[in-house]
Each structure stands twice: as C-alpha cells, then as structure tokens.
Amino acid sequence: MRKLLLLAVFFIFNQFSAQYFTGEIIIRDKSVYYLNQIYVTNLSDQKTVYTDHFGSFKIPAKPGDIIRFTSIVTDRKDIKVTPDQLETLHNVVELKIAYYDIQEVVINKFKPTGNLRKDVTTLKNGEKALALQQMIGLPSPKGDGTSPQLPVAALQGGGLSFSIDSMYDILSGERKKKERAEQYEKMNTAVLNIKNYFGVPYFTALKIPENLIENFLQFVYSSDDIYSLVASRNYEAVTLYIEKYLPIYQRRLKNSSLMEQVK
C-alpha cells in the first residue's frame, strides 16, 4: 500500500513539474503567411511534434533545451529555451522562406551574328547559358526534373567503389539541402498543376483570394499526402482534400488577419 501511495505521489509530482514550450509559428514573405506544417524537435531528447493547422505547437522542454523548427519551405531555426518562455503560452516563432521561384528567362529579338564572342557579350548574364546552348546545339537535359544522386558505396567492376561527391554531400549537409530543395520543387509543381487544372474562378468561388491560391494549396499539400493523386492526374480525389482543409485554412486566415495584410 505504501509503495502504491509513493508511486501515486511521484506520478502527480511529475505531472505538475512537467514543463512545455508552447507557442505559434508565423511565416511571412512580404506579408504573406505560409501556413504549412512545421517539424518542432527538442534536440536534447530528440522528440518531435508537428504544428497543428493553426500554426500552434507544444513540446516538453526545460530551460537550456534547444528547440529546432524545420519544414519544406523554410530555413531551419534553433531557439534556446529560457525560463520566461516556459511561463507563457504565447511564444511567437517567426521563420523565413528558404526557396523562391526563379522567373523564366526569355530571350527577345536575339539573332546570332556568327561571332560567338560578340554574341555572348551582347546578352545579359541570365541569358548567356541558354543562348550558348542554342547556338552550339547542346542537347537539352533529360529526366524528371530532379537531380540524380549517386550512392555513397556501390559494387562496380567486381569491387567496391565510393562516390566522393556523395560522401561530401552527406558530411557537409549538402545532400539534405538538395533533398529539401527537391521536395519544395515537387510541391511547387503539384500546386501549379492543381491550380491550372481547376482554374482561378474555382478557388475564388471558395472565397480564397486569387493572390492566396498557391498559398492555400501549399497548406493542403503539406497537411496530407496528395502528390500521388496529382502525379496520376486524379484531380477529382484532390477535391476531397481541398474541401477538408478549406474551413481550417479560412479560420486560420481570419485569426491571423491575413486578409487585411495582403490587400
């Protein structure tokens, strides 16, 4: 009986002494919020939680713990927890966008003269590589749009071979960056395909502002695994997820006053 009493007291003490780092994620790019799920990891015990659809998080922590915030579209951010942060439920963590879309390079009214050196010097920096490819006749790259990655070690020619580039990528963290960039490109392609399939009027009829359509689709994409549906062009199934997350996104917009921010 005494042991049970001690165990009960110990359990109650642990419950009251448990501390949590609680707050909300804000991600802005020129006043536009990206409402994607974020990974929140306590590096001290390697426990990970996800933000909810409103950007809120709650993770066990103690003073001095390092909390890491990561996602597909944001730069990584580490925060060292202070006693004051554990006392409040309204910590705000702002993350920055890691990737930006690069505008397509279009060469207007360019006619090569036959003098390669002269032609290249007349072009802008962003146009030179494309123009050279066209003038020289280089083949266009083939593939699915993602960069190939060599294995670190492979059996080749009857022996074991090592890829120095792959080893360097892993040791330097470059592979992780490449994987994250590829995930972002994958998401961006899926989002644009969905937007083009349904068209702008479809989303504005759902009361999604035109300038937030891609933002909304990023939110849907990050909340559920819909890439396979887009890849197989099963857009009718995608509508189920659009309808599922539409009210959540709209409530989030209302609570964050984003409608006024982006006008």
C-alpha atoms as a PDB file:
ATOM      1  CA  MET A   1       0.000   0.000   0.000  1.00  0.00           C
ATOM      2  CA  ARG A   2       2.829   2.345   0.876  1.00  0.00           C
ATOM      3  CA  LYS A   3       4.528   1.657  -2.455  1.00  0.00           C
ATOM      4  CA  LEU A   4       1.329   2.456  -4.343  1.00  0.00           C
ATOM      5  CA  LEU A   5       0.997   5.710  -2.432  1.00  0.00           C
ATOM      6  CA  LEU A   6       4.591   6.667  -3.242  1.00  0.00           C
ATOM      7  CA  LEU A   7       4.050   5.855  -6.908  1.00  0.00           C
ATOM      8  CA  ALA A   8       0.903   7.981  -6.971  1.00  0.00           C
ATOM      9  CA  VAL A   9       2.715  10.908  -5.340  1.00  0.00           C
ATOM     10  CA  PHE A  10       5.616  10.519  -7.790  1.00  0.00           C
ATOM     11  CA  PHE A  11       3.219  10.475 -10.755  1.00  0.00           C
ATOM     12  CA  ILE A  12       1.354  13.567  -9.546  1.00  0.00           C
ATOM     13  CA  PHE A  13       4.652  15.382  -8.908  1.00  0.00           C
ATOM     14  CA  ASN A  14       5.838  14.611 -12.436  1.00  0.00           C
ATOM     15  CA  GLN A  15       2.582  15.871 -13.905  1.00  0.00           C
ATOM     16  CA  PHE A  16       2.819  19.183 -12.094  1.00  0.00           C
ATOM     17  CA  SER A  17       6.548  19.572 -12.687  1.00  0.00           C
ATOM     18  CA  ALA A  18       6.308  18.855 -16.436  1.00  0.00           C
ATOM     19  CA  GLN A  19       7.151  21.945 -18.479  1.00  0.00           C
ATOM     20  CA  TYR A  20       6.225  22.759 -22.035  1.00  0.00           C
ATOM     21  CA  PHE A  21       7.474  25.210 -24.624  1.00  0.00           C
ATOM     22  CA  THR A  22       4.261  26.448 -26.216  1.00  0.00           C
ATOM     23  CA  GLY A  23       3.580  28.992 -28.921  1.00  0.00           C
ATOM     24  CA  GLU A  24       2.683  29.769 -32.506  1.00  0.00           C
ATOM     25  CA  ILE A  25       4.584  29.774 -35.795  1.00  0.00           C
ATOM     26  CA  ILE A  26       4.455  32.768 -38.114  1.00  0.00           C
ATOM     27  CA  ILE A  27       5.999  32.537 -41.579  1.00  0.00           C
ATOM     28  CA  ARG A  28       5.971  35.641 -43.711  1.00  0.00           C
ATOM     29  CA  ASP A  29       7.259  36.660 -47.093  1.00  0.00           C
ATOM     30  CA  LYS A  30       6.355  40.259 -47.847  1.00  0.00           C
ATOM     31  CA  SER A  31       3.317  39.994 -45.569  1.00  0.00           C
ATOM     32  CA  VAL A  32       2.181  36.632 -46.980  1.00  0.00           C
ATOM     33  CA  TYR A  33       1.898  33.821 -44.427  1.00  0.00           C
ATOM     34  CA  TYR A  34       2.760  30.265 -45.434  1.00  0.00           C
ATOM     35  CA  LEU A  35       0.515  28.051 -43.335  1.00  0.00           C
ATOM     36  CA  ASN A  36       2.419  24.785 -43.631  1.00  0.00           C
ATOM     37  CA  GLN A  37       3.046  22.148 -41.006  1.00  0.00           C
ATOM     38  CA  ILE A  38       6.358  22.600 -39.209  1.00  0.00           C
ATOM     39  CA  TYR A  39       8.544  19.982 -37.511  1.00  0.00           C
ATOM     40  CA  VAL A  40       9.369  21.017 -33.932  1.00  0.00           C
ATOM     41  CA  THR A  41      12.204  18.991 -32.371  1.00  0.00           C
ATOM     42  CA  ASN A  42      13.757  19.118 -28.902  1.00  0.00           C
ATOM     43  CA  LEU A  43      17.402  18.335 -29.663  1.00  0.00           C
ATOM     44  CA  SER A  44      18.038  17.329 -26.043  1.00  0.00           C
ATOM     45  CA  ASP A  45      15.822  14.230 -26.203  1.00  0.00           C
ATOM     46  CA  GLN A  46      15.177  14.089 -29.986  1.00  0.00           C
ATOM     47  CA  LYS A  47      11.406  14.238 -29.520  1.00  0.00           C
ATOM     48  CA  THR A  48       9.497  15.753 -32.432  1.00  0.00           C
ATOM     49  CA  VAL A  49       5.986  17.175 -32.670  1.00  0.00           C
ATOM     50  CA  TYR A  50       4.160  18.930 -35.512  1.00  0.00           C
ATOM     51  CA  THR A  51       2.415  22.252 -35.519  1.00  0.00           C
ATOM     52  CA  ASP A  52      -1.325  21.992 -35.967  1.00  0.00           C
ATOM     53  CA  HIS A  53      -3.216  23.575 -38.854  1.00  0.00           C
ATOM     54  CA  PHE A  54      -3.308  26.870 -36.969  1.00  0.00           C
ATOM     55  CA  GLY A  55       0.491  27.009 -36.550  1.00  0.00           C
ATOM     56  CA  SER A  56       0.416  26.207 -32.815  1.00  0.00           C
ATOM     57  CA  PHE A  57       2.880  23.865 -31.098  1.00  0.00           C
ATOM     58  CA  LYS A  58       3.504  22.373 -27.654  1.00  0.00           C
ATOM     59  CA  ILE A  59       6.598  20.338 -26.805  1.00  0.00           C
ATOM     60  CA  PRO A  60       8.097  19.177 -23.468  1.00  0.00           C
ATOM     61  CA  ALA A  61      11.168  21.244 -22.611  1.00  0.00           C
ATOM     62  CA  LYS A  62      13.255  22.645 -19.799  1.00  0.00           C
ATOM     63  CA  PRO A  63      15.448  25.746 -19.552  1.00  0.00           C
ATOM     64  CA  GLY A  64      18.500  25.456 -21.778  1.00  0.00           C
ATOM     65  CA  ASP A  65      16.986  22.960 -24.234  1.00  0.00           C
ATOM     66  CA  ILE A  66      17.453  23.695 -27.934  1.00  0.00           C
ATOM     67  CA  ILE A  67      14.224  23.579 -29.953  1.00  0.00           C
ATOM     68  CA  ARG A  68      14.623  23.244 -33.729  1.00  0.00           C
ATOM     69  CA  PHE A  69      11.993  24.316 -36.270  1.00  0.00           C
ATOM     70  CA  THR A  70      12.152  22.899 -39.817  1.00  0.00           C
ATOM     71  CA  SER A  71       9.855  22.470 -42.829  1.00  0.00           C
ATOM     72  CA  ILE A  72       9.970  22.044 -46.586  1.00  0.00           C
ATOM     73  CA  VAL A  73       9.778  25.747 -47.388  1.00  0.00           C
ATOM     74  CA  THR A  74      11.604  27.440 -44.507  1.00  0.00           C
ATOM     75  CA  ASP A  75      15.110  27.950 -43.222  1.00  0.00           C
ATOM     76  CA  ARG A  76      15.957  25.961 -40.115  1.00  0.00           C
ATOM     77  CA  LYS A  77      15.765  27.876 -36.858  1.00  0.00           C
ATOM     78  CA  ASP A  78      17.077  26.912 -33.391  1.00  0.00           C
ATOM     79  CA  ILE A  79      15.841  28.502 -30.168  1.00  0.00           C
ATOM     80  CA  LYS A  80      17.388  28.078 -26.719  1.00  0.00           C
ATOM     81  CA  VAL A  81      14.543  27.842 -24.220  1.00  0.00           C
ATOM     82  CA  THR A  82      14.513  30.339 -21.350  1.00  0.00           C
ATOM     83  CA  PRO A  83      12.557  30.098 -18.057  1.00  0.00           C
ATOM     84  CA  ASP A  84      10.402  33.047 -19.154  1.00  0.00           C
ATOM     85  CA  GLN A  85       9.377  31.229 -22.346  1.00  0.00           C
ATOM     86  CA  LEU A  86       8.193  28.251 -20.301  1.00  0.00           C
ATOM     87  CA  GLU A  87       5.974  30.529 -18.226  1.00  0.00           C
ATOM     88  CA  THR A  88       3.949  31.827 -21.182  1.00  0.00           C
ATOM     89  CA  LEU A  89       1.673  30.112 -23.680  1.00  0.00           C
ATOM     90  CA  HIS A  90       2.066  32.840 -26.296  1.00  0.00           C
ATOM     91  CA  ASN A  91       5.611  32.450 -27.637  1.00  0.00           C
ATOM     92  CA  VAL A  92       5.832  33.542 -31.271  1.00  0.00           C
ATOM     93  CA  VAL A  93       8.447  31.991 -33.574  1.00  0.00           C
ATOM     94  CA  GLU A  94       8.939  33.612 -36.974  1.00  0.00           C
ATOM     95  CA  LEU A  95      10.524  31.545 -39.749  1.00  0.00           C
ATOM     96  CA  LYS A  96      11.871  32.704 -43.100  1.00  0.00           C
ATOM     97  CA  ILE A  97      11.184  31.255 -46.524  1.00  0.00           C
ATOM     98  CA  ALA A  98      14.137  29.215 -47.819  1.00  0.00           C
ATOM     99  CA  TYR A  99      13.303  28.975 -51.508  1.00  0.00           C
ATOM    100  CA  TYR A 100      11.993  31.417 -54.062  1.00  0.00           C
ATOM    101  CA  ASP A 101      10.711  30.751 -57.548  1.00  0.00           C
ATOM    102  CA  ILE A 102      13.121  31.843 -60.279  1.00  0.00           C
ATOM    103  CA  GLN A 103      11.475  33.662 -63.137  1.00  0.00           C
ATOM    104  CA  GLU A 104      11.745  32.105 -66.587  1.00  0.00           C
ATOM    105  CA  VAL A 105      14.488  33.594 -68.777  1.00  0.00           C
ATOM    106  CA  VAL A 106      13.121  34.759 -72.131  1.00  0.00           C
ATOM    107  CA  ILE A 107      15.423  35.980 -74.906  1.00  0.00           C
ATOM    108  CA  ASN A 108      13.691  38.611 -77.006  1.00  0.00           C
ATOM    109  CA  LYS A 109      14.729  39.610 -80.539  1.00  0.00           C
ATOM    110  CA  PHE A 110      18.134  37.929 -80.351  1.00  0.00           C
ATOM    111  CA  LYS A 111      19.740  36.871 -83.614  1.00  0.00           C
ATOM    112  CA  PRO A 112      23.281  35.423 -83.558  1.00  0.00           C
ATOM    113  CA  THR A 113      25.760  37.063 -85.941  1.00  0.00           C
ATOM    114  CA  GLY A 114      28.039  34.052 -86.187  1.00  0.00           C
ATOM    115  CA  ASN A 115      30.711  35.672 -83.999  1.00  0.00           C
ATOM    116  CA  LEU A 116      30.313  33.714 -80.752  1.00  0.00           C
ATOM    117  CA  ARG A 117      32.335  36.139 -78.603  1.00  0.00           C
ATOM    118  CA  LYS A 118      30.392  39.158 -79.856  1.00  0.00           C
ATOM    119  CA  ASP A 119      27.010  37.449 -79.465  1.00  0.00           C
ATOM    120  CA  VAL A 120      27.668  36.418 -75.870  1.00  0.00           C
ATOM    121  CA  THR A 121      28.819  39.886 -74.791  1.00  0.00           C
ATOM    122  CA  THR A 122      25.578  41.426 -76.072  1.00  0.00           C
ATOM    123  CA  LEU A 123      23.471  39.233 -73.813  1.00  0.00           C
ATOM    124  CA  LYS A 124      22.530  39.740 -70.198  1.00  0.00           C
ATOM    125  CA  ASN A 125      24.097  37.417 -67.647  1.00  0.00           C
ATOM    126  CA  GLY A 126      20.924  35.377 -67.149  1.00  0.00           C
ATOM    127  CA  GLU A 127      20.572  34.775 -70.903  1.00  0.00           C
ATOM    128  CA  LYS A 128      24.110  33.657 -71.762  1.00  0.00           C
ATOM    129  CA  ALA A 129      23.914  29.998 -70.779  1.00  0.00           C
ATOM    130  CA  LEU A 130      20.637  29.452 -72.629  1.00  0.00           C
ATOM    131  CA  ALA A 131      21.813  31.286 -75.731  1.00  0.00           C
ATOM    132  CA  LEU A 132      25.090  29.374 -75.847  1.00  0.00           C
ATOM    133  CA  GLN A 133      23.189  26.120 -75.581  1.00  0.00           C
ATOM    134  CA  GLN A 134      21.016  27.120 -78.534  1.00  0.00           C
ATOM    135  CA  MET A 135      23.886  28.419 -80.695  1.00  0.00           C
ATOM    136  CA  ILE A 136      26.222  25.482 -80.078  1.00  0.00           C
ATOM    137  CA  GLY A 137      23.417  22.932 -80.248  1.00  0.00           C
ATOM    138  CA  LEU A 138      23.837  21.314 -76.840  1.00  0.00           C
ATOM    139  CA  PRO A 139      21.234  18.638 -76.054  1.00  0.00           C
ATOM    140  CA  SER A 140      18.567  19.539 -73.507  1.00  0.00           C
ATOM    141  CA  PRO A 141      18.811  17.780 -70.142  1.00  0.00           C
ATOM    142  CA  LYS A 142      16.590  14.737 -69.751  1.00  0.00           C
ATOM    143  CA  GLY A 143      14.978  13.320 -66.634  1.00  0.00           C
ATOM    144  CA  ASP A 144      12.123  14.012 -64.279  1.00  0.00           C
ATOM    145  CA  GLY A 145      13.406  17.391 -63.165  1.00  0.00           C
ATOM    146  CA  THR A 146      15.228  16.179 -60.050  1.00  0.00           C
ATOM    147  CA  SER A 147      18.987  15.946 -59.772  1.00  0.00           C
ATOM    148  CA  PRO A 148      20.378  12.375 -59.748  1.00  0.00           C
ATOM    149  CA  GLN A 149      22.216  11.278 -56.619  1.00  0.00           C
ATOM    150  CA  LEU A 150      24.951   8.670 -56.626  1.00  0.00           C
ATOM    151  CA  PRO A 151      25.054   6.108 -53.822  1.00  0.00           C
ATOM    152  CA  VAL A 152      27.839   6.526 -51.277  1.00  0.00           C
ATOM    153  CA  ALA A 153      29.124   3.000 -51.961  1.00  0.00           C
ATOM    154  CA  ALA A 154      28.310   0.573 -54.774  1.00  0.00           C
ATOM    155  CA  LEU A 155      29.547  -2.689 -56.252  1.00  0.00           C
ATOM    156  CA  GLN A 156      31.087  -1.896 -59.607  1.00  0.00           C
ATOM    157  CA  GLY A 157      33.549  -3.776 -61.797  1.00  0.00           C
ATOM    158  CA  GLY A 158      33.895  -6.602 -59.315  1.00  0.00           C
ATOM    159  CA  GLY A 159      34.887  -4.300 -56.463  1.00  0.00           C
ATOM    160  CA  LEU A 160      33.531  -1.727 -54.034  1.00  0.00           C
ATOM    161  CA  SER A 161      33.530   1.841 -55.322  1.00  0.00           C
ATOM    162  CA  PHE A 162      32.871   5.034 -53.376  1.00  0.00           C
ATOM    163  CA  SER A 163      31.305   8.264 -54.569  1.00  0.00           C
ATOM    164  CA  ILE A 164      33.391  11.128 -53.212  1.00  0.00           C
ATOM    165  CA  ASP A 165      30.682  13.630 -54.188  1.00  0.00           C
ATOM    166  CA  SER A 166      28.003  11.718 -52.288  1.00  0.00           C
ATOM    167  CA  MET A 167      30.225  11.360 -49.222  1.00  0.00           C
ATOM    168  CA  TYR A 168      30.956  15.091 -49.285  1.00  0.00           C
ATOM    169  CA  ASP A 169      27.258  15.907 -49.662  1.00  0.00           C
ATOM    170  CA  ILE A 170      26.374  13.859 -46.582  1.00  0.00           C
ATOM    171  CA  LEU A 171      29.238  15.172 -44.446  1.00  0.00           C
ATOM    172  CA  SER A 172      28.650  18.806 -45.403  1.00  0.00           C
ATOM    173  CA  GLY A 173      24.866  18.652 -45.206  1.00  0.00           C
ATOM    174  CA  GLU A 174      24.527  19.414 -48.921  1.00  0.00           C
ATOM    175  CA  ARG A 175      22.502  16.263 -49.587  1.00  0.00           C
ATOM    176  CA  LYS A 176      19.929  17.310 -47.012  1.00  0.00           C
ATOM    177  CA  LYS A 177      19.689  20.719 -48.663  1.00  0.00           C
ATOM    178  CA  LYS A 178      19.264  19.097 -52.080  1.00  0.00           C
ATOM    179  CA  GLU A 179      16.571  16.758 -50.789  1.00  0.00           C
ATOM    180  CA  ARG A 180      14.716  19.664 -49.212  1.00  0.00           C
ATOM    181  CA  ALA A 181      15.011  21.701 -52.413  1.00  0.00           C
ATOM    182  CA  GLU A 182      13.683  18.750 -54.416  1.00  0.00           C
ATOM    183  CA  GLN A 183      10.757  18.370 -52.003  1.00  0.00           C
ATOM    184  CA  TYR A 184       9.964  22.043 -52.463  1.00  0.00           C
ATOM    185  CA  GLU A 185      10.111  21.781 -56.263  1.00  0.00           C
ATOM    186  CA  LYS A 186       7.912  18.689 -56.091  1.00  0.00           C
ATOM    187  CA  MET A 187       5.352  20.547 -54.003  1.00  0.00           C
ATOM    188  CA  ASN A 188       5.512  23.641 -56.215  1.00  0.00           C
ATOM    189  CA  THR A 189       4.903  21.576 -59.363  1.00  0.00           C
ATOM    190  CA  ALA A 190       1.931  19.813 -57.768  1.00  0.00           C
ATOM    191  CA  VAL A 191       0.463  23.116 -56.576  1.00  0.00           C
ATOM    192  CA  LEU A 192       0.720  24.724 -60.018  1.00  0.00           C
ATOM    193  CA  ASN A 193      -0.801  21.655 -61.691  1.00  0.00           C
ATOM    194  CA  ILE A 194      -3.787  21.737 -59.326  1.00  0.00           C
ATOM    195  CA  LYS A 195      -4.239  25.483 -59.815  1.00  0.00           C
ATOM    196  CA  ASN A 196      -4.073  25.198 -63.604  1.00  0.00           C
ATOM    197  CA  TYR A 197      -6.486  22.255 -63.671  1.00  0.00           C
ATOM    198  CA  PHE A 198      -9.239  23.886 -61.620  1.00  0.00           C
ATOM    199  CA  GLY A 199      -8.584  27.490 -62.654  1.00  0.00           C
ATOM    200  CA  VAL A 200      -8.712  30.716 -60.652  1.00  0.00           C
ATOM    201  CA  PRO A 201     -12.554  31.076 -60.660  1.00  0.00           C
ATOM    202  CA  TYR A 202     -12.890  27.720 -58.873  1.00  0.00           C
ATOM    203  CA  PHE A 203     -10.863  28.939 -55.895  1.00  0.00           C
ATOM    204  CA  THR A 204     -12.281  32.452 -55.770  1.00  0.00           C
ATOM    205  CA  ALA A 205     -15.744  30.863 -55.627  1.00  0.00           C
ATOM    206  CA  LEU A 206     -14.497  29.095 -52.484  1.00  0.00           C
ATOM    207  CA  LYS A 207     -13.637  32.552 -51.100  1.00  0.00           C
ATOM    208  CA  ILE A 208      -9.884  32.049 -51.495  1.00  0.00           C
ATOM    209  CA  PRO A 209      -8.330  35.350 -52.698  1.00  0.00           C
ATOM    210  CA  GLU A 210      -6.548  34.993 -56.029  1.00  0.00           C
ATOM    211  CA  ASN A 211      -3.217  36.042 -54.526  1.00  0.00           C
ATOM    212  CA  LEU A 212      -3.509  33.294 -51.881  1.00  0.00           C
ATOM    213  CA  ILE A 213      -4.496  30.346 -54.081  1.00  0.00           C
ATOM    214  CA  GLU A 214      -0.990  28.866 -54.207  1.00  0.00           C
ATOM    215  CA  ASN A 215      -0.604  29.565 -50.506  1.00  0.00           C
ATOM    216  CA  PHE A 216      -3.795  27.614 -49.794  1.00  0.00           C
ATOM    217  CA  LEU A 217      -2.703  24.696 -51.994  1.00  0.00           C
ATOM    218  CA  GLN A 218       0.671  24.583 -50.232  1.00  0.00           C
ATOM    219  CA  PHE A 219      -1.252  24.300 -46.979  1.00  0.00           C
ATOM    220  CA  VAL A 220      -3.300  21.384 -48.338  1.00  0.00           C
ATOM    221  CA  TYR A 221      -0.215  19.690 -49.807  1.00  0.00           C
ATOM    222  CA  SER A 222       1.738  19.953 -46.548  1.00  0.00           C
ATOM    223  CA  SER A 223      -1.190  18.674 -44.498  1.00  0.00           C
ATOM    224  CA  ASP A 224      -1.792  15.463 -46.449  1.00  0.00           C
ATOM    225  CA  ASP A 225      -0.030  13.231 -48.967  1.00  0.00           C
ATOM    226  CA  ILE A 226      -1.663  14.218 -52.246  1.00  0.00           C
ATOM    227  CA  TYR A 227       1.370  14.068 -54.566  1.00  0.00           C
ATOM    228  CA  SER A 228       0.471  10.601 -55.866  1.00  0.00           C
ATOM    229  CA  LEU A 229      -3.018  11.855 -56.754  1.00  0.00           C
ATOM    230  CA  VAL A 230      -1.600  14.789 -58.714  1.00  0.00           C
ATOM    231  CA  ALA A 231       1.009  12.593 -60.410  1.00  0.00           C
ATOM    232  CA  SER A 232      -1.747  10.226 -61.586  1.00  0.00           C
ATOM    233  CA  ARG A 233      -3.923  13.221 -62.572  1.00  0.00           C
ATOM    234  CA  ASN A 234      -6.679  12.113 -60.209  1.00  0.00           C
ATOM    235  CA  TYR A 235      -7.829  15.657 -59.557  1.00  0.00           C
ATOM    236  CA  GLU A 236     -11.333  14.633 -58.543  1.00  0.00           C
ATOM    237  CA  ALA A 237      -9.826  12.935 -55.486  1.00  0.00           C
ATOM    238  CA  VAL A 238      -7.829  16.100 -54.757  1.00  0.00           C
ATOM    239  CA  THR A 239     -11.106  17.994 -54.323  1.00  0.00           C
ATOM    240  CA  LEU A 240     -11.825  15.891 -51.215  1.00  0.00           C
ATOM    241  CA  TYR A 241      -8.696  17.302 -49.568  1.00  0.00           C
ATOM    242  CA  ILE A 242      -9.464  20.819 -50.759  1.00  0.00           C
ATOM    243  CA  GLU A 243     -12.884  20.589 -49.114  1.00  0.00           C
ATOM    244  CA  LYS A 244     -11.362  19.034 -45.981  1.00  0.00           C
ATOM    245  CA  TYR A 245      -8.832  21.798 -45.338  1.00  0.00           C
ATOM    246  CA  LEU A 246     -10.772  24.767 -46.729  1.00  0.00           C
ATOM    247  CA  PRO A 247     -12.609  25.638 -43.458  1.00  0.00           C
ATOM    248  CA  ILE A 248      -9.410  25.147 -41.442  1.00  0.00           C
ATOM    249  CA  TYR A 249      -7.477  27.480 -43.740  1.00  0.00           C
ATOM    250  CA  GLN A 250     -10.246  30.079 -43.726  1.00  0.00           C
ATOM    251  CA  ARG A 251     -10.363  30.088 -39.920  1.00  0.00           C
ATOM    252  CA  ARG A 252      -6.591  30.467 -39.863  1.00  0.00           C
ATOM    253  CA  LEU A 253      -6.809  33.421 -42.249  1.00  0.00           C
ATOM    254  CA  LYS A 254      -9.433  35.068 -40.085  1.00  0.00           C
ATOM    255  CA  ASN A 255      -7.477  34.536 -36.861  1.00  0.00           C
ATOM    256  CA  SER A 256      -4.217  35.837 -38.337  1.00  0.00           C
ATOM    257  CA  SER A 257      -5.834  38.880 -40.022  1.00  0.00           C
ATOM    258  CA  LEU A 258      -4.080  37.886 -43.238  1.00  0.00           C
ATOM    259  CA  MET A 259      -6.896  39.235 -45.389  1.00  0.00           C
ATOM    260  CA  GLU A 260      -6.018  42.776 -44.312  1.00  0.00           C
ATOM    261  CA  GLN A 261      -2.259  42.136 -44.533  1.00  0.00           C
ATOM    262  CA  VAL A 262      -2.210  41.219 -48.228  1.00  0.00           C
ATOM    263  CA  LYS A 263      -4.632  43.787 -49.648  1.00  0.00           C
END
